[in-house]
Amino acid sequence: MAKLISFVVLITVSGLQAQPAEVTADIELLLWNEFYKLQWDDFQGEPDKTSLGDAGTAVQIKATPFLIKKEIRYDVEAFFNRKKSWVRDTSPSLLAHEQLHFDIAELYARKVRKKIRELQARGVNNIKTYNAAIQALLLESNEVDQRYDLETLHGALSKKQAAWTEKIKEQLASLKKYRKTKRVIGKFD
């Protein structure tokens, strides 16, 4: 029920890394995917002595900048951290509640991608401007996530939970054009 969240804005240029097609037990970070729903096996962390609730979901939004012909671009991804997420009780309703934390992370990853495109369309090429806009959205995401837990009483209020689920589903759909696109480099023979 408790949610841990971290947001990372990396300021270094990094190389591309392939994501395996299937989920395996040793992968720490799961990239959000509309076709994959969390399972209790994904919660591999241990709660510490101060952890409250029946589950803790750790998600991250990573916004990694890079340059293409002197233009600032970002790779933005929402992740679930398997090693930092933990569970004490395994009810289906709790799993649905924790999944929505992950979905909220993806919603805000899409909002970040949208903001980046808006700044690019305006010709902005100052990394500080991008990072400030991204940070503002990440703070908003934290506030929304806290409000979600408060309004649903960490998923215990089923009608409120259903309303939040529908609201996030609608918002994800409205930002569908900002979902993560797959990049293919080279040819497959």
N, C-alpha and C. Protein backbone atom coordinates (compact mmCIF):
# COMPACT_ATOMS: atom_id res chain seq x y z
N MET A 1 0.81 -1.19 0.00
CA MET A 1 0.00 0.00 0.00
C MET A 1 0.85 1.25 0.00
N ALA A 2 1.96 1.20 0.67
CA ALA A 2 2.87 2.33 0.63
C ALA A 2 3.52 2.36 -0.74
N LYS A 3 3.88 3.51 -1.21
CA LYS A 3 4.50 3.61 -2.51
C LYS A 3 5.79 4.38 -2.40
N LEU A 4 6.81 3.82 -2.93
CA LEU A 4 8.10 4.49 -3.01
C LEU A 4 8.22 4.98 -4.43
N ILE A 5 8.70 6.18 -4.62
CA ILE A 5 8.84 6.67 -5.98
C ILE A 5 10.13 7.45 -6.10
N SER A 6 10.81 7.24 -7.18
CA SER A 6 12.01 8.02 -7.43
C SER A 6 11.98 8.46 -8.87
N PHE A 7 12.44 9.64 -9.11
CA PHE A 7 12.50 10.16 -10.46
C PHE A 7 13.94 10.53 -10.74
N VAL A 8 14.39 10.18 -11.91
CA VAL A 8 15.77 10.41 -12.26
C VAL A 8 15.82 11.22 -13.54
N VAL A 9 16.50 12.33 -13.51
CA VAL A 9 16.80 13.06 -14.73
C VAL A 9 18.30 12.97 -14.90
N LEU A 10 18.72 12.16 -15.86
CA LEU A 10 20.14 11.95 -16.09
C LEU A 10 20.65 13.04 -17.03
N ILE A 11 21.80 13.59 -16.73
CA ILE A 11 22.33 14.68 -17.54
C ILE A 11 23.51 14.20 -18.40
N THR A 12 23.69 12.92 -18.51
CA THR A 12 24.78 12.40 -19.33
C THR A 12 24.20 11.72 -20.56
N VAL A 13 24.98 11.66 -21.59
CA VAL A 13 24.57 10.96 -22.80
C VAL A 13 24.94 9.50 -22.61
N SER A 14 23.99 8.63 -22.83
CA SER A 14 24.27 7.20 -22.65
C SER A 14 23.92 6.45 -23.92
N GLY A 15 24.53 5.29 -24.09
CA GLY A 15 24.28 4.45 -25.26
C GLY A 15 22.96 3.73 -25.15
N LEU A 16 22.48 3.24 -26.26
CA LEU A 16 21.23 2.49 -26.27
C LEU A 16 21.49 1.07 -25.80
N GLN A 17 20.52 0.52 -25.10
CA GLN A 17 20.64 -0.83 -24.61
C GLN A 17 19.36 -1.57 -24.96
N ALA A 18 19.49 -2.78 -25.46
CA ALA A 18 18.32 -3.56 -25.85
C ALA A 18 17.60 -4.08 -24.62
N GLN A 19 16.27 -4.11 -24.68
CA GLN A 19 15.44 -4.66 -23.61
C GLN A 19 15.05 -6.07 -24.02
N PRO A 20 15.29 -7.06 -23.16
CA PRO A 20 14.89 -8.42 -23.51
C PRO A 20 13.38 -8.51 -23.74
N ALA A 21 12.98 -9.39 -24.63
CA ALA A 21 11.57 -9.52 -24.98
C ALA A 21 10.75 -10.13 -23.86
N GLU A 22 11.32 -11.00 -23.05
CA GLU A 22 10.56 -11.63 -21.99
C GLU A 22 11.08 -11.21 -20.63
N VAL A 23 10.18 -11.23 -19.66
CA VAL A 23 10.54 -10.86 -18.30
C VAL A 23 11.18 -12.06 -17.63
N THR A 24 12.35 -11.85 -17.04
CA THR A 24 13.00 -12.92 -16.31
C THR A 24 13.20 -12.48 -14.87
N ALA A 25 13.43 -13.43 -14.00
CA ALA A 25 13.49 -13.16 -12.56
C ALA A 25 14.64 -12.26 -12.16
N ASP A 26 15.70 -12.19 -12.97
CA ASP A 26 16.86 -11.41 -12.56
C ASP A 26 16.83 -9.96 -13.04
N ILE A 27 15.82 -9.56 -13.75
CA ILE A 27 15.70 -8.18 -14.21
C ILE A 27 15.19 -7.33 -13.05
N GLU A 28 15.94 -6.27 -12.72
CA GLU A 28 15.54 -5.41 -11.61
C GLU A 28 14.45 -4.41 -12.01
N LEU A 29 14.61 -3.80 -13.17
CA LEU A 29 13.66 -2.79 -13.61
C LEU A 29 12.79 -3.32 -14.74
N LEU A 30 11.47 -3.20 -14.55
CA LEU A 30 10.52 -3.57 -15.59
C LEU A 30 10.05 -2.30 -16.27
N LEU A 31 10.20 -2.23 -17.57
CA LEU A 31 9.70 -1.11 -18.35
C LEU A 31 8.18 -1.24 -18.48
N TRP A 32 7.44 -0.13 -18.26
CA TRP A 32 5.99 -0.17 -18.37
C TRP A 32 5.62 -0.65 -19.77
N ASN A 33 4.63 -1.51 -19.83
CA ASN A 33 4.18 -2.10 -21.08
C ASN A 33 2.68 -2.31 -20.97
N GLU A 34 1.94 -1.82 -21.94
CA GLU A 34 0.48 -1.93 -21.86
C GLU A 34 0.00 -3.37 -21.90
N PHE A 35 0.83 -4.31 -22.31
CA PHE A 35 0.43 -5.70 -22.41
C PHE A 35 0.88 -6.54 -21.22
N TYR A 36 1.60 -5.94 -20.29
CA TYR A 36 2.09 -6.69 -19.13
C TYR A 36 1.53 -6.09 -17.86
N LYS A 37 0.90 -6.90 -17.05
CA LYS A 37 0.40 -6.46 -15.75
C LYS A 37 1.28 -7.06 -14.66
N LEU A 38 1.51 -6.30 -13.62
CA LEU A 38 2.33 -6.78 -12.51
C LEU A 38 1.76 -8.06 -11.92
N GLN A 39 2.67 -8.88 -11.42
CA GLN A 39 2.31 -10.10 -10.72
C GLN A 39 3.00 -10.06 -9.36
N TRP A 40 2.50 -10.81 -8.42
CA TRP A 40 3.12 -10.78 -7.09
C TRP A 40 4.57 -11.23 -7.13
N ASP A 41 4.94 -12.07 -8.08
CA ASP A 41 6.34 -12.50 -8.21
C ASP A 41 7.27 -11.33 -8.54
N ASP A 42 6.71 -10.25 -9.07
CA ASP A 42 7.53 -9.06 -9.39
C ASP A 42 7.96 -8.30 -8.14
N PHE A 43 7.31 -8.52 -7.03
CA PHE A 43 7.61 -7.82 -5.78
C PHE A 43 8.66 -8.64 -5.03
N GLN A 44 9.93 -8.35 -5.28
CA GLN A 44 11.02 -9.17 -4.75
C GLN A 44 11.77 -8.53 -3.58
N GLY A 45 11.43 -7.30 -3.24
CA GLY A 45 12.10 -6.62 -2.13
C GLY A 45 11.57 -7.06 -0.78
N GLU A 46 12.21 -6.59 0.24
CA GLU A 46 11.81 -6.86 1.62
C GLU A 46 11.44 -5.54 2.29
N PRO A 47 10.31 -5.50 3.00
CA PRO A 47 9.97 -4.26 3.72
C PRO A 47 10.96 -4.06 4.87
N ASP A 48 11.31 -2.80 5.12
CA ASP A 48 12.17 -2.57 6.29
C ASP A 48 11.28 -2.42 7.53
N LYS A 49 11.88 -2.24 8.67
CA LYS A 49 11.14 -2.20 9.94
C LYS A 49 10.15 -1.04 10.01
N THR A 50 10.38 0.02 9.25
CA THR A 50 9.49 1.18 9.29
C THR A 50 8.40 1.12 8.21
N SER A 51 8.43 0.11 7.34
CA SER A 51 7.44 0.00 6.26
C SER A 51 6.05 -0.30 6.81
N LEU A 52 5.11 0.51 6.38
CA LEU A 52 3.71 0.32 6.78
C LEU A 52 2.94 -0.27 5.62
N GLY A 53 1.84 -0.90 5.90
CA GLY A 53 0.97 -1.41 4.85
C GLY A 53 1.31 -2.83 4.44
N ASP A 54 0.57 -3.27 3.41
CA ASP A 54 0.70 -4.65 2.94
C ASP A 54 1.58 -4.79 1.71
N ALA A 55 1.90 -3.67 1.05
CA ALA A 55 2.74 -3.72 -0.14
C ALA A 55 3.39 -2.37 -0.35
N GLY A 56 4.50 -2.38 -1.01
CA GLY A 56 5.20 -1.15 -1.38
C GLY A 56 5.65 -1.25 -2.82
N THR A 57 5.25 -0.28 -3.63
CA THR A 57 5.60 -0.26 -5.04
C THR A 57 6.62 0.85 -5.29
N ALA A 58 7.74 0.47 -5.88
CA ALA A 58 8.78 1.45 -6.23
C ALA A 58 8.77 1.62 -7.74
N VAL A 59 8.50 2.83 -8.18
CA VAL A 59 8.52 3.14 -9.61
C VAL A 59 9.50 4.27 -9.86
N GLN A 60 9.98 4.35 -11.08
CA GLN A 60 10.89 5.41 -11.49
C GLN A 60 10.47 5.92 -12.85
N ILE A 61 10.65 7.20 -13.04
CA ILE A 61 10.54 7.79 -14.38
C ILE A 61 11.93 8.30 -14.71
N LYS A 62 12.51 7.76 -15.76
CA LYS A 62 13.84 8.19 -16.16
C LYS A 62 13.72 9.02 -17.43
N ALA A 63 14.32 10.20 -17.39
CA ALA A 63 14.37 11.08 -18.55
C ALA A 63 15.84 11.30 -18.87
N THR A 64 16.31 10.66 -19.93
CA THR A 64 17.72 10.69 -20.29
C THR A 64 17.92 11.56 -21.52
N PRO A 65 18.64 12.67 -21.39
CA PRO A 65 18.85 13.54 -22.55
C PRO A 65 19.96 13.02 -23.47
N PHE A 66 19.83 13.36 -24.73
CA PHE A 66 20.89 13.08 -25.70
C PHE A 66 20.77 14.12 -26.81
N LEU A 67 21.79 14.22 -27.63
CA LEU A 67 21.81 15.21 -28.71
C LEU A 67 21.70 14.52 -30.06
N ILE A 68 20.93 15.13 -30.95
CA ILE A 68 20.91 14.75 -32.36
C ILE A 68 21.09 16.04 -33.14
N LYS A 69 22.23 16.14 -33.82
CA LYS A 69 22.55 17.35 -34.60
C LYS A 69 22.36 18.61 -33.76
N LYS A 70 22.91 18.61 -32.57
CA LYS A 70 22.88 19.74 -31.64
C LYS A 70 21.49 20.07 -31.10
N GLU A 71 20.52 19.20 -31.31
CA GLU A 71 19.18 19.38 -30.74
C GLU A 71 19.03 18.45 -29.55
N ILE A 72 18.47 18.99 -28.47
CA ILE A 72 18.25 18.20 -27.26
C ILE A 72 17.05 17.29 -27.46
N ARG A 73 17.25 16.03 -27.14
CA ARG A 73 16.18 15.03 -27.18
C ARG A 73 16.22 14.28 -25.85
N TYR A 74 15.14 13.61 -25.53
CA TYR A 74 15.08 12.82 -24.29
C TYR A 74 14.49 11.45 -24.58
N ASP A 75 15.00 10.48 -23.87
CA ASP A 75 14.41 9.15 -23.82
C ASP A 75 13.73 9.08 -22.46
N VAL A 76 12.41 8.93 -22.44
CA VAL A 76 11.64 8.95 -21.20
C VAL A 76 10.98 7.60 -21.01
N GLU A 77 11.21 6.99 -19.84
CA GLU A 77 10.68 5.66 -19.57
C GLU A 77 10.17 5.56 -18.13
N ALA A 78 9.12 4.77 -17.96
CA ALA A 78 8.57 4.48 -16.64
C ALA A 78 8.93 3.04 -16.28
N PHE A 79 9.50 2.87 -15.09
CA PHE A 79 9.95 1.56 -14.64
C PHE A 79 9.33 1.18 -13.30
N PHE A 80 9.19 -0.11 -13.09
CA PHE A 80 8.84 -0.71 -11.81
C PHE A 80 10.11 -1.39 -11.31
N ASN A 81 10.50 -1.08 -10.07
CA ASN A 81 11.71 -1.67 -9.50
C ASN A 81 11.33 -2.90 -8.69
N ARG A 82 11.68 -4.06 -9.22
CA ARG A 82 11.32 -5.33 -8.59
C ARG A 82 12.04 -5.53 -7.26
N LYS A 83 13.28 -5.09 -7.17
CA LYS A 83 14.09 -5.34 -5.97
C LYS A 83 13.71 -4.42 -4.80
N LYS A 84 13.06 -3.28 -5.11
CA LYS A 84 12.66 -2.35 -4.06
C LYS A 84 11.17 -2.44 -3.73
N SER A 85 10.42 -3.19 -4.53
CA SER A 85 8.98 -3.36 -4.29
C SER A 85 8.77 -4.62 -3.47
N TRP A 86 7.84 -4.54 -2.52
CA TRP A 86 7.67 -5.64 -1.57
C TRP A 86 6.18 -5.88 -1.29
N VAL A 87 5.90 -7.04 -0.70
CA VAL A 87 4.51 -7.39 -0.41
C VAL A 87 4.44 -8.26 0.85
N ARG A 88 3.37 -8.04 1.61
CA ARG A 88 3.06 -8.89 2.77
C ARG A 88 1.76 -9.67 2.54
N ASP A 89 0.81 -9.06 1.84
CA ASP A 89 -0.50 -9.67 1.58
C ASP A 89 -0.69 -9.73 0.08
N THR A 90 -1.26 -10.80 -0.43
CA THR A 90 -1.35 -10.96 -1.89
C THR A 90 -2.79 -11.03 -2.40
N SER A 91 -3.61 -10.08 -2.03
CA SER A 91 -4.98 -10.07 -2.53
C SER A 91 -5.02 -9.47 -3.94
N PRO A 92 -5.95 -9.93 -4.78
CA PRO A 92 -6.06 -9.39 -6.14
C PRO A 92 -6.36 -7.88 -6.15
N SER A 93 -7.18 -7.42 -5.21
CA SER A 93 -7.50 -5.98 -5.18
C SER A 93 -6.27 -5.14 -4.83
N LEU A 94 -5.42 -5.65 -3.96
CA LEU A 94 -4.19 -4.93 -3.63
C LEU A 94 -3.25 -4.89 -4.83
N LEU A 95 -3.17 -5.99 -5.57
CA LEU A 95 -2.31 -6.01 -6.76
C LEU A 95 -2.81 -4.99 -7.79
N ALA A 96 -4.12 -4.88 -7.97
CA ALA A 96 -4.69 -3.89 -8.89
C ALA A 96 -4.35 -2.48 -8.43
N HIS A 97 -4.38 -2.25 -7.12
CA HIS A 97 -4.03 -0.94 -6.58
C HIS A 97 -2.55 -0.62 -6.88
N GLU A 98 -1.68 -1.59 -6.66
CA GLU A 98 -0.25 -1.37 -6.92
C GLU A 98 0.01 -1.18 -8.41
N GLN A 99 -0.71 -1.91 -9.26
CA GLN A 99 -0.56 -1.74 -10.71
C GLN A 99 -0.86 -0.30 -11.11
N LEU A 100 -1.88 0.29 -10.47
CA LEU A 100 -2.25 1.66 -10.84
C LEU A 100 -1.15 2.65 -10.47
N HIS A 101 -0.37 2.37 -9.42
CA HIS A 101 0.79 3.23 -9.15
C HIS A 101 1.74 3.21 -10.35
N PHE A 102 1.96 2.04 -10.91
CA PHE A 102 2.82 1.89 -12.08
C PHE A 102 2.20 2.61 -13.28
N ASP A 103 0.88 2.50 -13.44
CA ASP A 103 0.19 3.17 -14.54
C ASP A 103 0.27 4.69 -14.40
N ILE A 104 0.22 5.19 -13.18
CA ILE A 104 0.37 6.64 -12.96
C ILE A 104 1.77 7.09 -13.37
N ALA A 105 2.77 6.26 -13.09
CA ALA A 105 4.13 6.59 -13.53
C ALA A 105 4.18 6.69 -15.06
N GLU A 106 3.53 5.77 -15.75
CA GLU A 106 3.49 5.83 -17.21
C GLU A 106 2.72 7.05 -17.69
N LEU A 107 1.63 7.39 -17.02
CA LEU A 107 0.87 8.59 -17.38
C LEU A 107 1.78 9.82 -17.33
N TYR A 108 2.57 9.92 -16.28
CA TYR A 108 3.45 11.09 -16.16
C TYR A 108 4.65 11.01 -17.09
N ALA A 109 5.08 9.82 -17.44
CA ALA A 109 6.12 9.70 -18.48
C ALA A 109 5.57 10.26 -19.80
N ARG A 110 4.31 9.96 -20.09
CA ARG A 110 3.69 10.50 -21.31
C ARG A 110 3.54 12.01 -21.23
N LYS A 111 3.18 12.53 -20.06
CA LYS A 111 3.08 13.99 -19.91
C LYS A 111 4.45 14.64 -20.10
N VAL A 112 5.49 14.00 -19.63
CA VAL A 112 6.85 14.52 -19.83
C VAL A 112 7.19 14.51 -21.32
N ARG A 113 6.88 13.41 -22.01
CA ARG A 113 7.16 13.35 -23.45
C ARG A 113 6.41 14.44 -24.20
N LYS A 114 5.16 14.68 -23.80
CA LYS A 114 4.36 15.74 -24.43
C LYS A 114 5.00 17.11 -24.20
N LYS A 115 5.41 17.38 -22.97
CA LYS A 115 6.04 18.67 -22.66
C LYS A 115 7.33 18.84 -23.46
N ILE A 116 8.10 17.78 -23.57
CA ILE A 116 9.35 17.85 -24.34
C ILE A 116 9.04 18.20 -25.80
N ARG A 117 8.03 17.55 -26.37
CA ARG A 117 7.67 17.87 -27.76
C ARG A 117 7.21 19.31 -27.91
N GLU A 118 6.47 19.81 -26.91
CA GLU A 118 6.02 21.21 -26.96
C GLU A 118 7.22 22.16 -26.93
N LEU A 119 8.18 21.88 -26.07
CA LEU A 119 9.38 22.72 -25.99
C LEU A 119 10.18 22.64 -27.29
N GLN A 120 10.29 21.44 -27.86
CA GLN A 120 11.00 21.29 -29.13
C GLN A 120 10.30 22.08 -30.23
N ALA A 121 8.97 22.04 -30.27
CA ALA A 121 8.20 22.76 -31.29
C ALA A 121 8.41 24.27 -31.18
N ARG A 122 8.67 24.74 -29.95
CA ARG A 122 8.93 26.17 -29.74
C ARG A 122 10.39 26.52 -30.01
N GLY A 123 11.21 25.52 -30.34
CA GLY A 123 12.61 25.77 -30.66
C GLY A 123 13.51 25.92 -29.44
N VAL A 124 13.04 25.50 -28.28
CA VAL A 124 13.84 25.60 -27.06
C VAL A 124 14.99 24.60 -27.15
N ASN A 125 16.20 25.07 -26.87
CA ASN A 125 17.37 24.19 -26.91
C ASN A 125 18.27 24.44 -25.69
N ASN A 126 17.61 24.68 -24.55
CA ASN A 126 18.33 24.91 -23.30
C ASN A 126 17.97 23.78 -22.34
N ILE A 127 18.94 22.98 -21.99
CA ILE A 127 18.68 21.80 -21.15
C ILE A 127 18.09 22.18 -19.79
N LYS A 128 18.45 23.34 -19.26
CA LYS A 128 17.89 23.76 -17.97
C LYS A 128 16.39 23.98 -18.07
N THR A 129 15.93 24.50 -19.19
CA THR A 129 14.50 24.71 -19.40
C THR A 129 13.77 23.37 -19.44
N TYR A 130 14.33 22.42 -20.16
CA TYR A 130 13.74 21.08 -20.22
C TYR A 130 13.70 20.44 -18.83
N ASN A 131 14.83 20.48 -18.15
CA ASN A 131 14.91 19.82 -16.83
C ASN A 131 13.95 20.45 -15.83
N ALA A 132 13.78 21.76 -15.87
CA ALA A 132 12.84 22.43 -14.96
C ALA A 132 11.41 21.99 -15.26
N ALA A 133 11.06 21.90 -16.53
CA ALA A 133 9.71 21.46 -16.91
C ALA A 133 9.48 20.01 -16.51
N ILE A 134 10.48 19.18 -16.71
CA ILE A 134 10.37 17.77 -16.33
C ILE A 134 10.22 17.64 -14.82
N GLN A 135 11.04 18.37 -14.08
CA GLN A 135 10.99 18.29 -12.61
C GLN A 135 9.62 18.72 -12.08
N ALA A 136 9.03 19.74 -12.68
CA ALA A 136 7.70 20.19 -12.25
C ALA A 136 6.66 19.08 -12.45
N LEU A 137 6.73 18.39 -13.57
CA LEU A 137 5.79 17.29 -13.81
C LEU A 137 6.04 16.11 -12.88
N LEU A 138 7.29 15.85 -12.55
CA LEU A 138 7.59 14.75 -11.63
C LEU A 138 7.10 15.05 -10.22
N LEU A 139 7.19 16.30 -9.81
CA LEU A 139 6.64 16.68 -8.51
C LEU A 139 5.12 16.54 -8.51
N GLU A 140 4.50 16.94 -9.61
CA GLU A 140 3.04 16.79 -9.74
C GLU A 140 2.66 15.31 -9.67
N SER A 141 3.45 14.46 -10.30
CA SER A 141 3.20 13.02 -10.25
C SER A 141 3.21 12.50 -8.82
N ASN A 142 4.18 12.94 -8.04
CA ASN A 142 4.24 12.54 -6.63
C ASN A 142 2.98 12.95 -5.88
N GLU A 143 2.52 14.18 -6.13
CA GLU A 143 1.31 14.68 -5.47
C GLU A 143 0.08 13.87 -5.87
N VAL A 144 -0.03 13.54 -7.15
CA VAL A 144 -1.16 12.74 -7.63
C VAL A 144 -1.12 11.36 -6.99
N ASP A 145 0.06 10.77 -6.92
CA ASP A 145 0.20 9.45 -6.32
C ASP A 145 -0.20 9.44 -4.85
N GLN A 146 0.17 10.48 -4.13
CA GLN A 146 -0.21 10.58 -2.71
C GLN A 146 -1.72 10.77 -2.57
N ARG A 147 -2.30 11.60 -3.45
CA ARG A 147 -3.75 11.81 -3.41
C ARG A 147 -4.49 10.51 -3.74
N TYR A 148 -3.96 9.75 -4.69
CA TYR A 148 -4.53 8.44 -5.03
C TYR A 148 -4.59 7.53 -3.81
N ASP A 149 -3.50 7.43 -3.07
CA ASP A 149 -3.50 6.59 -1.86
C ASP A 149 -4.47 7.11 -0.81
N LEU A 150 -4.50 8.43 -0.62
CA LEU A 150 -5.40 9.01 0.38
C LEU A 150 -6.87 8.79 0.01
N GLU A 151 -7.22 9.08 -1.24
CA GLU A 151 -8.63 8.99 -1.65
C GLU A 151 -9.14 7.56 -1.72
N THR A 152 -8.27 6.61 -1.97
CA THR A 152 -8.70 5.21 -2.06
C THR A 152 -8.41 4.46 -0.77
N LEU A 153 -7.83 5.14 0.20
CA LEU A 153 -7.39 4.51 1.44
C LEU A 153 -6.53 3.29 1.10
N HIS A 154 -5.52 3.58 0.24
CA HIS A 154 -4.57 2.56 -0.23
C HIS A 154 -5.28 1.37 -0.88
N GLY A 155 -6.36 1.66 -1.60
CA GLY A 155 -7.09 0.63 -2.33
C GLY A 155 -8.23 -0.01 -1.56
N ALA A 156 -8.41 0.32 -0.30
CA ALA A 156 -9.44 -0.31 0.52
C ALA A 156 -10.85 0.15 0.16
N LEU A 157 -11.00 1.34 -0.40
CA LEU A 157 -12.32 1.86 -0.79
C LEU A 157 -12.56 1.50 -2.26
N SER A 158 -13.28 0.42 -2.49
CA SER A 158 -13.39 -0.15 -3.83
C SER A 158 -14.03 0.79 -4.86
N LYS A 159 -15.03 1.58 -4.46
CA LYS A 159 -15.64 2.52 -5.41
C LYS A 159 -14.67 3.62 -5.81
N LYS A 160 -13.93 4.12 -4.85
CA LYS A 160 -12.91 5.14 -5.15
C LYS A 160 -11.80 4.55 -6.01
N GLN A 161 -11.42 3.30 -5.69
CA GLN A 161 -10.39 2.62 -6.48
C GLN A 161 -10.84 2.48 -7.93
N ALA A 162 -12.09 2.07 -8.13
CA ALA A 162 -12.63 1.91 -9.49
C ALA A 162 -12.65 3.25 -10.23
N ALA A 163 -13.01 4.32 -9.52
CA ALA A 163 -13.04 5.65 -10.15
C ALA A 163 -11.64 6.08 -10.58
N TRP A 164 -10.66 5.86 -9.72
CA TRP A 164 -9.27 6.19 -10.06
C TRP A 164 -8.78 5.34 -11.23
N THR A 165 -9.11 4.08 -11.23
CA THR A 165 -8.68 3.19 -12.31
C THR A 165 -9.22 3.69 -13.64
N GLU A 166 -10.51 4.05 -13.67
CA GLU A 166 -11.12 4.56 -14.89
C GLU A 166 -10.49 5.90 -15.31
N LYS A 167 -10.27 6.78 -14.34
CA LYS A 167 -9.68 8.09 -14.64
C LYS A 167 -8.28 7.95 -15.26
N ILE A 168 -7.45 7.11 -14.68
CA ILE A 168 -6.08 6.93 -15.20
C ILE A 168 -6.12 6.26 -16.57
N LYS A 169 -7.02 5.30 -16.75
CA LYS A 169 -7.18 4.63 -18.04
C LYS A 169 -7.54 5.65 -19.12
N GLU A 170 -8.47 6.55 -18.81
CA GLU A 170 -8.89 7.58 -19.77
C GLU A 170 -7.74 8.54 -20.08
N GLN A 171 -7.00 8.94 -19.05
CA GLN A 171 -5.89 9.87 -19.26
C GLN A 171 -4.78 9.22 -20.08
N LEU A 172 -4.50 7.95 -19.83
CA LEU A 172 -3.50 7.23 -20.65
C LEU A 172 -3.95 7.20 -22.11
N ALA A 173 -5.24 6.92 -22.33
CA ALA A 173 -5.76 6.88 -23.69
C ALA A 173 -5.67 8.25 -24.37
N SER A 174 -5.94 9.30 -23.61
CA SER A 174 -5.90 10.65 -24.19
C SER A 174 -4.47 11.06 -24.57
N LEU A 175 -3.49 10.42 -23.97
CA LEU A 175 -2.08 10.72 -24.28
C LEU A 175 -1.42 9.57 -25.04
N LYS A 176 -2.24 8.80 -25.75
CA LYS A 176 -1.75 7.61 -26.46
C LYS A 176 -0.62 7.96 -27.44
N LYS A 177 -0.70 9.10 -28.08
CA LYS A 177 0.32 9.45 -29.06
C LYS A 177 1.68 9.74 -28.40
N TYR A 178 1.71 9.82 -27.08
CA TYR A 178 2.96 10.06 -26.36
C TYR A 178 3.49 8.80 -25.67
N ARG A 179 2.93 7.64 -26.03
CA ARG A 179 3.46 6.41 -25.45
C ARG A 179 4.85 6.15 -26.02
N LYS A 180 5.59 5.31 -25.35
CA LYS A 180 6.96 4.99 -25.74
C LYS A 180 6.94 4.28 -27.09
N THR A 181 7.72 4.80 -28.00
CA THR A 181 7.83 4.15 -29.30
C THR A 181 9.10 3.31 -29.32
N LYS A 182 9.02 2.23 -30.01
CA LYS A 182 10.18 1.35 -30.12
C LYS A 182 11.05 1.87 -31.26
N ARG A 183 12.35 1.88 -30.99
CA ARG A 183 13.31 2.27 -32.00
C ARG A 183 14.00 1.03 -32.53
N VAL A 184 14.08 0.93 -33.83
CA VAL A 184 14.79 -0.18 -34.45
C VAL A 184 16.00 0.41 -35.15
N ILE A 185 17.15 -0.10 -34.79
CA ILE A 185 18.40 0.36 -35.39
C ILE A 185 18.95 -0.79 -36.22
N GLY A 186 19.12 -0.55 -37.50
CA GLY A 186 19.65 -1.59 -38.37
C GLY A 186 18.53 -2.47 -38.92
N LYS A 187 18.93 -3.48 -39.64
CA LYS A 187 17.98 -4.40 -40.26
C LYS A 187 18.06 -5.76 -39.62
N PHE A 188 16.94 -6.44 -39.62
CA PHE A 188 16.90 -7.83 -39.18
C PHE A 188 16.84 -8.69 -40.44
N ASP A 189 17.69 -9.64 -40.54
CA ASP A 189 17.69 -10.51 -41.74
C ASP A 189 16.92 -11.77 -41.48
